[in-house]
Amino acid sequence: MADKLHFALVSPERELFNGEVDHVVVPGSEGEFGVMPNHAPVMSVIKPGALRVINDGAERRIFVNGGFADVTPEGLTVLAEEAVDLADVTAADLE
């Protein structure tokens, strides 16, 4: 089995994701950056944008509005001020 990255996404309302993934692309304040297993430790402010979670060839997009990303040897934790799974958004929600 290939290495997996432990990823947790938490907002003030609830935990949106907690599990093992292949890759996460984070909309950092200095630009997007990808996190894979064994990534060097880093902390970044998050700008509003789509966080992309890639696992087994499938991509899940989650809109995050501010917060912090923390990469440690244990994995990636994103503390988002606001987070919405884009798969749950309908055209009526946007209006």
PDB file of N, CA and C in Angstrom:
ATOM      1  N   MET A   1       0.843  -1.188   0.000  1.00  0.00           N
ATOM      2  CA  MET A   1       0.000   0.000   0.000  1.00  0.00           C
ATOM      3  C   MET A   1       0.878   1.236   0.000  1.00  0.00           C
ATOM      4  N   ALA A   2       0.549   2.200  -0.824  1.00  0.00           N
ATOM      5  CA  ALA A   2       1.301   3.444  -0.913  1.00  0.00           C
ATOM      6  C   ALA A   2       1.067   4.283   0.336  1.00  0.00           C
ATOM      7  N   ASP A   3       2.016   5.171   0.615  1.00  0.00           N
ATOM      8  CA  ASP A   3       1.867   6.071   1.755  1.00  0.00           C
ATOM      9  C   ASP A   3       0.652   6.963   1.572  1.00  0.00           C
ATOM     10  N   LYS A   4      -0.014   7.250   2.664  1.00  0.00           N
ATOM     11  CA  LYS A   4      -1.166   8.152   2.665  1.00  0.00           C
ATOM     12  C   LYS A   4      -0.873   9.297   3.629  1.00  0.00           C
ATOM     13  N   LEU A   5      -1.537  10.406   3.399  1.00  0.00           N
ATOM     14  CA  LEU A   5      -1.425  11.588   4.230  1.00  0.00           C
ATOM     15  C   LEU A   5      -2.630  11.643   5.151  1.00  0.00           C
ATOM     16  N   HIS A   6      -2.402  11.821   6.453  1.00  0.00           N
ATOM     17  CA  HIS A   6      -3.541  12.015   7.346  1.00  0.00           C
ATOM     18  C   HIS A   6      -3.972  13.474   7.232  1.00  0.00           C
ATOM     19  N   PHE A   7      -5.262  13.701   6.919  1.00  0.00           N
ATOM     20  CA  PHE A   7      -5.792  15.048   6.695  1.00  0.00           C
ATOM     21  C   PHE A   7      -7.026  15.263   7.549  1.00  0.00           C
ATOM     22  N   ALA A   8      -7.053  16.400   8.256  1.00  0.00           N
ATOM     23  CA  ALA A   8      -8.229  16.777   9.048  1.00  0.00           C
ATOM     24  C   ALA A   8      -8.612  18.202   8.684  1.00  0.00           C
ATOM     25  N   LEU A   9      -9.898  18.425   8.425  1.00  0.00           N
ATOM     26  CA  LEU A   9     -10.438  19.748   8.120  1.00  0.00           C
ATOM     27  C   LEU A   9     -11.509  20.059   9.147  1.00  0.00           C
ATOM     28  N   VAL A  10     -11.300  21.150   9.885  1.00  0.00           N
ATOM     29  CA  VAL A  10     -12.203  21.514  10.966  1.00  0.00           C
ATOM     30  C   VAL A  10     -12.639  22.964  10.793  1.00  0.00           C
ATOM     31  N   SER A  11     -13.944  23.203  10.970  1.00  0.00           N
ATOM     32  CA  SER A  11     -14.484  24.565  10.993  1.00  0.00           C
ATOM     33  C   SER A  11     -15.119  24.765  12.364  1.00  0.00           C
ATOM     34  N   PRO A  12     -15.497  25.997  12.709  1.00  0.00           N
ATOM     35  CA  PRO A  12     -16.132  26.202  14.020  1.00  0.00           C
ATOM     36  C   PRO A  12     -17.412  25.379  14.208  1.00  0.00           C
ATOM     37  N   GLU A  13     -18.118  25.074  13.119  1.00  0.00           N
ATOM     38  CA  GLU A  13     -19.371  24.330  13.228  1.00  0.00           C
ATOM     39  C   GLU A  13     -19.172  22.833  13.416  1.00  0.00           C
ATOM     40  N   ARG A  14     -18.158  22.252  12.708  1.00  0.00           N
ATOM     41  CA  ARG A  14     -18.013  20.799  12.737  1.00  0.00           C
ATOM     42  C   ARG A  14     -16.712  20.362  12.078  1.00  0.00           C
ATOM     43  N   GLU A  15     -16.406  19.089  12.225  1.00  0.00           N
ATOM     44  CA  GLU A  15     -15.285  18.490  11.518  1.00  0.00           C
ATOM     45  C   GLU A  15     -15.810  18.026  10.162  1.00  0.00           C
ATOM     46  N   LEU A  16     -15.256  18.558   9.077  1.00  0.00           N
ATOM     47  CA  LEU A  16     -15.737  18.208   7.739  1.00  0.00           C
ATOM     48  C   LEU A  16     -15.056  16.976   7.172  1.00  0.00           C
ATOM     49  N   PHE A  17     -13.816  16.740   7.575  1.00  0.00           N
ATOM     50  CA  PHE A  17     -13.088  15.595   7.029  1.00  0.00           C
ATOM     51  C   PHE A  17     -12.026  15.162   8.023  1.00  0.00           C
ATOM     52  N   ASN A  18     -11.821  13.850   8.129  1.00  0.00           N
ATOM     53  CA  ASN A  18     -10.741  13.308   8.940  1.00  0.00           C
ATOM     54  C   ASN A  18     -10.436  11.929   8.390  1.00  0.00           C
ATOM     55  N   GLY A  19      -9.304  11.803   7.704  1.00  0.00           N
ATOM     56  CA  GLY A  19      -8.978  10.517   7.126  1.00  0.00           C
ATOM     57  C   GLY A  19      -7.679  10.541   6.347  1.00  0.00           C
ATOM     58  N   GLU A  20      -7.420   9.445   5.669  1.00  0.00           N
ATOM     59  CA  GLU A  20      -6.199   9.267   4.886  1.00  0.00           C
ATOM     60  C   GLU A  20      -6.473   9.598   3.421  1.00  0.00           C
ATOM     61  N   VAL A  21      -5.581  10.403   2.814  1.00  0.00           N
ATOM     62  CA  VAL A  21      -5.725  10.813   1.422  1.00  0.00           C
ATOM     63  C   VAL A  21      -4.369  10.734   0.721  1.00  0.00           C
ATOM     64  N   ASP A  22      -4.375  10.899  -0.613  1.00  0.00           N
ATOM     65  CA  ASP A  22      -3.132  10.890  -1.383  1.00  0.00           C
ATOM     66  C   ASP A  22      -2.463  12.261  -1.409  1.00  0.00           C
ATOM     67  N   HIS A  23      -3.282  13.328  -1.510  1.00  0.00           N
ATOM     68  CA  HIS A  23      -2.726  14.653  -1.804  1.00  0.00           C
ATOM     69  C   HIS A  23      -3.780  15.707  -1.491  1.00  0.00           C
ATOM     70  N   VAL A  24      -3.375  16.850  -0.967  1.00  0.00           N
ATOM     71  CA  VAL A  24      -4.283  17.966  -0.721  1.00  0.00           C
ATOM     72  C   VAL A  24      -3.639  19.225  -1.284  1.00  0.00           C
ATOM     73  N   VAL A  25      -4.414  20.019  -2.025  1.00  0.00           N
ATOM     74  CA  VAL A  25      -3.942  21.310  -2.533  1.00  0.00           C
ATOM     75  C   VAL A  25      -4.644  22.391  -1.727  1.00  0.00           C
ATOM     76  N   VAL A  26      -3.843  23.239  -1.081  1.00  0.00           N
ATOM     77  CA  VAL A  26      -4.334  24.251  -0.150  1.00  0.00           C
ATOM     78  C   VAL A  26      -4.183  25.638  -0.771  1.00  0.00           C
ATOM     79  N   PRO A  27      -5.236  26.481  -0.707  1.00  0.00           N
ATOM     80  CA  PRO A  27      -5.114  27.859  -1.213  1.00  0.00           C
ATOM     81  C   PRO A  27      -4.431  28.754  -0.171  1.00  0.00           C
ATOM     82  N   GLY A  28      -3.111  28.706  -0.126  1.00  0.00           N
ATOM     83  CA  GLY A  28      -2.359  29.490   0.845  1.00  0.00           C
ATOM     84  C   GLY A  28      -2.310  30.961   0.486  1.00  0.00           C
ATOM     85  N   SER A  29      -2.024  31.794   1.462  1.00  0.00           N
ATOM     86  CA  SER A  29      -1.973  33.242   1.228  1.00  0.00           C
ATOM     87  C   SER A  29      -0.850  33.625   0.275  1.00  0.00           C
ATOM     88  N   GLU A  30       0.186  32.804   0.180  1.00  0.00           N
ATOM     89  CA  GLU A  30       1.309  33.064  -0.740  1.00  0.00           C
ATOM     90  C   GLU A  30       1.146  32.296  -2.051  1.00  0.00           C
ATOM     91  N   GLY A  31       0.013  31.638  -2.231  1.00  0.00           N
ATOM     92  CA  GLY A  31      -0.253  30.840  -3.426  1.00  0.00           C
ATOM     93  C   GLY A  31      -0.612  29.417  -3.037  1.00  0.00           C
ATOM     94  N   GLU A  32      -1.176  28.682  -3.992  1.00  0.00           N
ATOM     95  CA  GLU A  32      -1.557  27.298  -3.724  1.00  0.00           C
ATOM     96  C   GLU A  32      -0.319  26.452  -3.466  1.00  0.00           C
ATOM     97  N   PHE A  33      -0.479  25.470  -2.581  1.00  0.00           N
ATOM     98  CA  PHE A  33       0.610  24.516  -2.367  1.00  0.00           C
ATOM     99  C   PHE A  33       0.027  23.138  -2.116  1.00  0.00           C
ATOM    100  N   GLY A  34       0.743  22.140  -2.605  1.00  0.00           N
ATOM    101  CA  GLY A  34       0.302  20.763  -2.445  1.00  0.00           C
ATOM    102  C   GLY A  34       0.988  20.109  -1.265  1.00  0.00           C
ATOM    103  N   VAL A  35       0.258  19.243  -0.585  1.00  0.00           N
ATOM    104  CA  VAL A  35       0.796  18.498   0.551  1.00  0.00           C
ATOM    105  C   VAL A  35       0.599  17.015   0.269  1.00  0.00           C
ATOM    106  N   MET A  36       1.705  16.278   0.327  1.00  0.00           N
ATOM    107  CA  MET A  36       1.688  14.832   0.136  1.00  0.00           C
ATOM    108  C   MET A  36       2.306  14.180   1.372  1.00  0.00           C
ATOM    109  N   PRO A  37       2.256  12.869   1.477  1.00  0.00           N
ATOM    110  CA  PRO A  37       2.884  12.213   2.625  1.00  0.00           C
ATOM    111  C   PRO A  37       4.357  12.616   2.747  1.00  0.00           C
ATOM    112  N   ASN A  38       4.831  12.735   3.977  1.00  0.00           N
ATOM    113  CA  ASN A  38       6.224  13.075   4.290  1.00  0.00           C
ATOM    114  C   ASN A  38       6.612  14.498   3.891  1.00  0.00           C
ATOM    115  N   HIS A  39       5.637  15.397   3.783  1.00  0.00           N
ATOM    116  CA  HIS A  39       5.899  16.805   3.467  1.00  0.00           C
ATOM    117  C   HIS A  39       6.642  17.450   4.635  1.00  0.00           C
ATOM    118  N   ALA A  40       7.494  18.417   4.327  1.00  0.00           N
ATOM    119  CA  ALA A  40       8.206  19.148   5.376  1.00  0.00           C
ATOM    120  C   ALA A  40       7.210  19.958   6.204  1.00  0.00           C
ATOM    121  N   PRO A  41       7.474  20.131   7.493  1.00  0.00           N
ATOM    122  CA  PRO A  41       6.576  20.920   8.342  1.00  0.00           C
ATOM    123  C   PRO A  41       6.470  22.367   7.851  1.00  0.00           C
ATOM    124  N   VAL A  42       5.249  22.896   7.869  1.00  0.00           N
ATOM    125  CA  VAL A  42       4.996  24.279   7.451  1.00  0.00           C
ATOM    126  C   VAL A  42       3.656  24.714   8.031  1.00  0.00           C
ATOM    127  N   MET A  43       3.524  26.017   8.245  1.00  0.00           N
ATOM    128  CA  MET A  43       2.241  26.585   8.656  1.00  0.00           C
ATOM    129  C   MET A  43       1.951  27.736   7.707  1.00  0.00           C
ATOM    130  N   SER A  44       0.691  27.874   7.294  1.00  0.00           N
ATOM    131  CA  SER A  44       0.322  28.913   6.341  1.00  0.00           C
ATOM    132  C   SER A  44      -1.059  29.458   6.659  1.00  0.00           C
ATOM    133  N   VAL A  45      -1.228  30.738   6.365  1.00  0.00           N
ATOM    134  CA  VAL A  45      -2.555  31.347   6.393  1.00  0.00           C
ATOM    135  C   VAL A  45      -3.264  30.917   5.116  1.00  0.00           C
ATOM    136  N   ILE A  46      -4.569  30.688   5.206  1.00  0.00           N
ATOM    137  CA  ILE A  46      -5.358  30.284   4.038  1.00  0.00           C
ATOM    138  C   ILE A  46      -6.138  31.476   3.522  1.00  0.00           C
ATOM    139  N   LYS A  47      -6.143  31.635   2.191  1.00  0.00           N
ATOM    140  CA  LYS A  47      -7.000  32.655   1.576  1.00  0.00           C
ATOM    141  C   LYS A  47      -8.281  31.978   1.096  1.00  0.00           C
ATOM    142  N   PRO A  48      -9.336  32.745   0.844  1.00  0.00           N
ATOM    143  CA  PRO A  48     -10.572  32.135   0.341  1.00  0.00           C
ATOM    144  C   PRO A  48     -10.321  31.415  -0.989  1.00  0.00           C
ATOM    145  N   GLY A  49     -10.815  30.204  -1.095  1.00  0.00           N
ATOM    146  CA  GLY A  49     -10.653  29.433  -2.321  1.00  0.00           C
ATOM    147  C   GLY A  49     -11.029  27.984  -2.109  1.00  0.00           C
ATOM    148  N   ALA A  50     -10.808  27.196  -3.157  1.00  0.00           N
ATOM    149  CA  ALA A  50     -11.164  25.775  -3.118  1.00  0.00           C
ATOM    150  C   ALA A  50      -9.973  24.949  -2.654  1.00  0.00           C
ATOM    151  N   LEU A  51     -10.172  24.221  -1.583  1.00  0.00           N
ATOM    152  CA  LEU A  51      -9.210  23.253  -1.112  1.00  0.00           C
ATOM    153  C   LEU A  51      -9.529  21.964  -1.866  1.00  0.00           C
ATOM    154  N   ARG A  52      -8.521  21.336  -2.461  1.00  0.00           N
ATOM    155  CA  ARG A  52      -8.754  20.137  -3.263  1.00  0.00           C
ATOM    156  C   ARG A  52      -8.162  18.918  -2.569  1.00  0.00           C
ATOM    157  N   VAL A  53      -9.000  17.925  -2.345  1.00  0.00           N
ATOM    158  CA  VAL A  53      -8.586  16.685  -1.701  1.00  0.00           C
ATOM    159  C   VAL A  53      -8.582  15.600  -2.766  1.00  0.00           C
ATOM    160  N   ILE A  54      -7.410  15.024  -3.028  1.00  0.00           N
ATOM    161  CA  ILE A  54      -7.273  13.989  -4.056  1.00  0.00           C
ATOM    162  C   ILE A  54      -7.016  12.658  -3.365  1.00  0.00           C
ATOM    163  N   ASN A  55      -7.838  11.660  -3.699  1.00  0.00           N
ATOM    164  CA  ASN A  55      -7.681  10.336  -3.114  1.00  0.00           C
ATOM    165  C   ASN A  55      -8.136   9.279  -4.103  1.00  0.00           C
ATOM    166  N   ASP A  56      -7.258   8.340  -4.385  1.00  0.00           N
ATOM    167  CA  ASP A  56      -7.551   7.227  -5.303  1.00  0.00           C
ATOM    168  C   ASP A  56      -8.105   7.721  -6.639  1.00  0.00           C
ATOM    169  N   GLY A  57      -7.555   8.818  -7.160  1.00  0.00           N
ATOM    170  CA  GLY A  57      -7.948   9.350  -8.462  1.00  0.00           C
ATOM    171  C   GLY A  57      -9.172  10.247  -8.451  1.00  0.00           C
ATOM    172  N   ALA A  58      -9.876  10.335  -7.337  1.00  0.00           N
ATOM    173  CA  ALA A  58     -11.062  11.193  -7.235  1.00  0.00           C
ATOM    174  C   ALA A  58     -10.674  12.502  -6.546  1.00  0.00           C
ATOM    175  N   GLU A  59     -11.317  13.584  -6.958  1.00  0.00           N
ATOM    176  CA  GLU A  59     -11.041  14.894  -6.371  1.00  0.00           C
ATOM    177  C   GLU A  59     -12.301  15.448  -5.715  1.00  0.00           C
ATOM    178  N   ARG A  60     -12.156  15.918  -4.495  1.00  0.00           N
ATOM    179  CA  ARG A  60     -13.247  16.557  -3.745  1.00  0.00           C
ATOM    180  C   ARG A  60     -12.838  18.004  -3.505  1.00  0.00           C
ATOM    181  N   ARG A  61     -13.740  18.941  -3.798  1.00  0.00           N
ATOM    182  CA  ARG A  61     -13.444  20.365  -3.606  1.00  0.00           C
ATOM    183  C   ARG A  61     -14.262  20.899  -2.443  1.00  0.00           C
ATOM    184  N   ILE A  62     -13.562  21.617  -1.570  1.00  0.00           N
ATOM    185  CA  ILE A  62     -14.199  22.212  -0.404  1.00  0.00           C
ATOM    186  C   ILE A  62     -13.813  23.680  -0.362  1.00  0.00           C
ATOM    187  N   PHE A  63     -14.808  24.571  -0.382  1.00  0.00           N
ATOM    188  CA  PHE A  63     -14.531  26.003  -0.299  1.00  0.00           C
ATOM    189  C   PHE A  63     -14.170  26.353   1.140  1.00  0.00           C
ATOM    190  N   VAL A  64     -13.022  27.019   1.295  1.00  0.00           N
ATOM    191  CA  VAL A  64     -12.611  27.493   2.620  1.00  0.00           C
ATOM    192  C   VAL A  64     -12.476  29.009   2.566  1.00  0.00           C
ATOM    193  N   ASN A  65     -12.917  29.646   3.625  1.00  0.00           N
ATOM    194  CA  ASN A  65     -12.856  31.102   3.707  1.00  0.00           C
ATOM    195  C   ASN A  65     -12.033  31.470   4.934  1.00  0.00           C
ATOM    196  N   GLY A  66     -10.722  31.561   4.741  1.00  0.00           N
ATOM    197  CA  GLY A  66      -9.823  31.930   5.819  1.00  0.00           C
ATOM    198  C   GLY A  66      -9.491  30.786   6.745  1.00  0.00           C
ATOM    199  N   GLY A  67      -8.435  30.994   7.520  1.00  0.00           N
ATOM    200  CA  GLY A  67      -8.011  29.995   8.488  1.00  0.00           C
ATOM    201  C   GLY A  67      -6.531  29.727   8.381  1.00  0.00           C
ATOM    202  N   PHE A  68      -6.118  28.558   8.868  1.00  0.00           N
ATOM    203  CA  PHE A  68      -4.713  28.173   8.902  1.00  0.00           C
ATOM    204  C   PHE A  68      -4.552  26.729   8.465  1.00  0.00           C
ATOM    205  N   ALA A  69      -3.413  26.440   7.834  1.00  0.00           N
ATOM    206  CA  ALA A  69      -3.029  25.072   7.486  1.00  0.00           C
ATOM    207  C   ALA A  69      -1.749  24.760   8.238  1.00  0.00           C
ATOM    208  N   ASP A  70      -1.699  23.600   8.872  1.00  0.00           N
ATOM    209  CA  ASP A  70      -0.537  23.191   9.652  1.00  0.00           C
ATOM    210  C   ASP A  70      -0.100  21.805   9.203  1.00  0.00           C
ATOM    211  N   VAL A  71       1.104  21.725   8.636  1.00  0.00           N
ATOM    212  CA  VAL A  71       1.670  20.449   8.210  1.00  0.00           C
ATOM    213  C   VAL A  71       2.697  20.034   9.254  1.00  0.00           C
ATOM    214  N   THR A  72       2.515  18.846   9.809  1.00  0.00           N
ATOM    215  CA  THR A  72       3.439  18.282  10.792  1.00  0.00           C
ATOM    216  C   THR A  72       3.814  16.872  10.331  1.00  0.00           C
ATOM    217  N   PRO A  73       4.731  16.219  11.023  1.00  0.00           N
ATOM    218  CA  PRO A  73       5.034  14.825  10.653  1.00  0.00           C
ATOM    219  C   PRO A  73       3.810  13.904  10.749  1.00  0.00           C
ATOM    220  N   GLU A  74       2.811  14.300  11.544  1.00  0.00           N
ATOM    221  CA  GLU A  74       1.590  13.487  11.674  1.00  0.00           C
ATOM    222  C   GLU A  74       0.611  13.697  10.527  1.00  0.00           C
ATOM    223  N   GLY A  75       0.736  14.782   9.770  1.00  0.00           N
ATOM    224  CA  GLY A  75      -0.165  15.033   8.653  1.00  0.00           C
ATOM    225  C   GLY A  75      -0.520  16.496   8.516  1.00  0.00           C
ATOM    226  N   LEU A  76      -1.647  16.766   7.846  1.00  0.00           N
ATOM    227  CA  LEU A  76      -2.121  18.122   7.569  1.00  0.00           C
ATOM    228  C   LEU A  76      -3.408  18.376   8.334  1.00  0.00           C
ATOM    229  N   THR A  77      -3.434  19.502   9.056  1.00  0.00           N
ATOM    230  CA  THR A  77      -4.648  19.939   9.727  1.00  0.00           C
ATOM    231  C   THR A  77      -4.994  21.317   9.198  1.00  0.00           C
ATOM    232  N   VAL A  78      -6.232  21.490   8.747  1.00  0.00           N
ATOM    233  CA  VAL A  78      -6.719  22.789   8.295  1.00  0.00           C
ATOM    234  C   VAL A  78      -7.796  23.242   9.266  1.00  0.00           C
ATOM    235  N   LEU A  79      -7.576  24.417   9.851  1.00  0.00           N
ATOM    236  CA  LEU A  79      -8.557  25.052  10.726  1.00  0.00           C
ATOM    237  C   LEU A  79      -9.147  26.195   9.915  1.00  0.00           C
ATOM    238  N   ALA A  80     -10.344  26.000   9.392  1.00  0.00           N
ATOM    239  CA  ALA A  80     -10.979  26.962   8.500  1.00  0.00           C
ATOM    240  C   ALA A  80     -12.017  27.795   9.241  1.00  0.00           C
ATOM    241  N   GLU A  81     -12.025  29.096   8.979  1.00  0.00           N
ATOM    242  CA  GLU A  81     -13.046  29.961   9.567  1.00  0.00           C
ATOM    243  C   GLU A  81     -14.427  29.576   9.059  1.00  0.00           C
ATOM    244  N   GLU A  82     -14.492  29.183   7.792  1.00  0.00           N
ATOM    245  CA  GLU A  82     -15.734  28.729   7.162  1.00  0.00           C
ATOM    246  C   GLU A  82     -15.361  27.698   6.111  1.00  0.00           C
ATOM    247  N   ALA A  83     -16.131  26.618   6.008  1.00  0.00           N
ATOM    248  CA  ALA A  83     -15.867  25.580   5.018  1.00  0.00           C
ATOM    249  C   ALA A  83     -17.174  24.986   4.529  1.00  0.00           C
ATOM    250  N   VAL A  84     -17.273  24.830   3.204  1.00  0.00           N
ATOM    251  CA  VAL A  84     -18.480  24.278   2.581  1.00  0.00           C
ATOM    252  C   VAL A  84     -18.051  23.296   1.496  1.00  0.00           C
ATOM    253  N   ASP A  85     -18.545  22.067   1.574  1.00  0.00           N
ATOM    254  CA  ASP A  85     -18.257  21.081   0.539  1.00  0.00           C
ATOM    255  C   ASP A  85     -18.994  21.513  -0.723  1.00  0.00           C
ATOM    256  N   LEU A  86     -18.273  21.748  -1.808  1.00  0.00           N
ATOM    257  CA  LEU A  86     -18.892  22.261  -3.035  1.00  0.00           C
ATOM    258  C   LEU A  86     -19.847  21.255  -3.671  1.00  0.00           C
ATOM    259  N   ALA A  87     -19.720  19.979  -3.334  1.00  0.00           N
ATOM    260  CA  ALA A  87     -20.675  18.981  -3.843  1.00  0.00           C
ATOM    261  C   ALA A  87     -22.053  19.194  -3.250  1.00  0.00           C
ATOM    262  N   ASP A  88     -22.131  19.869  -2.110  1.00  0.00           N
ATOM    263  CA  ASP A  88     -23.419  20.102  -1.442  1.00  0.00           C
ATOM    264  C   ASP A  88     -24.096  21.411  -1.862  1.00  0.00           C
ATOM    265  N   VAL A  89     -23.418  22.213  -2.691  1.00  0.00           N
ATOM    266  CA  VAL A  89     -23.944  23.530  -3.084  1.00  0.00           C
ATOM    267  C   VAL A  89     -24.805  23.380  -4.343  1.00  0.00           C
ATOM    268  N   THR A  90     -26.004  23.955  -4.305  1.00  0.00           N
ATOM    269  CA  THR A  90     -26.889  23.928  -5.466  1.00  0.00           C
ATOM    270  C   THR A  90     -26.966  25.328  -6.082  1.00  0.00           C
ATOM    271  N   ALA A  91     -27.548  25.412  -7.261  1.00  0.00           N
ATOM    272  CA  ALA A  91     -27.717  26.713  -7.918  1.00  0.00           C
ATOM    273  C   ALA A  91     -28.595  27.632  -7.063  1.00  0.00           C
ATOM    274  N   ALA A  92     -29.588  27.071  -6.399  1.00  0.00           N
ATOM    275  CA  ALA A  92     -30.458  27.875  -5.526  1.00  0.00           C
ATOM    276  C   ALA A  92     -29.676  28.463  -4.353  1.00  0.00           C
ATOM    277  N   ASP A  93     -28.715  27.695  -3.833  1.00  0.00           N
ATOM    278  CA  ASP A  93     -27.881  28.206  -2.732  1.00  0.00           C
ATOM    279  C   ASP A  93     -27.072  29.426  -3.188  1.00  0.00           C
ATOM    280  N   LEU A  94     -26.609  29.394  -4.416  1.00  0.00           N
ATOM    281  CA  LEU A  94     -25.796  30.499  -4.929  1.00  0.00           C
ATOM    282  C   LEU A  94     -26.610  31.772  -5.143  1.00  0.00           C
ATOM    283  N   GLU A  95     -27.890  31.594  -5.472  1.00  0.00           N
ATOM    284  CA  GLU A  95     -28.736  32.758  -5.684  1.00  0.00           C
ATOM    285  C   GLU A  95     -29.084  33.368  -4.342  1.00  0.00           C
TER     286      GLU A  95
END
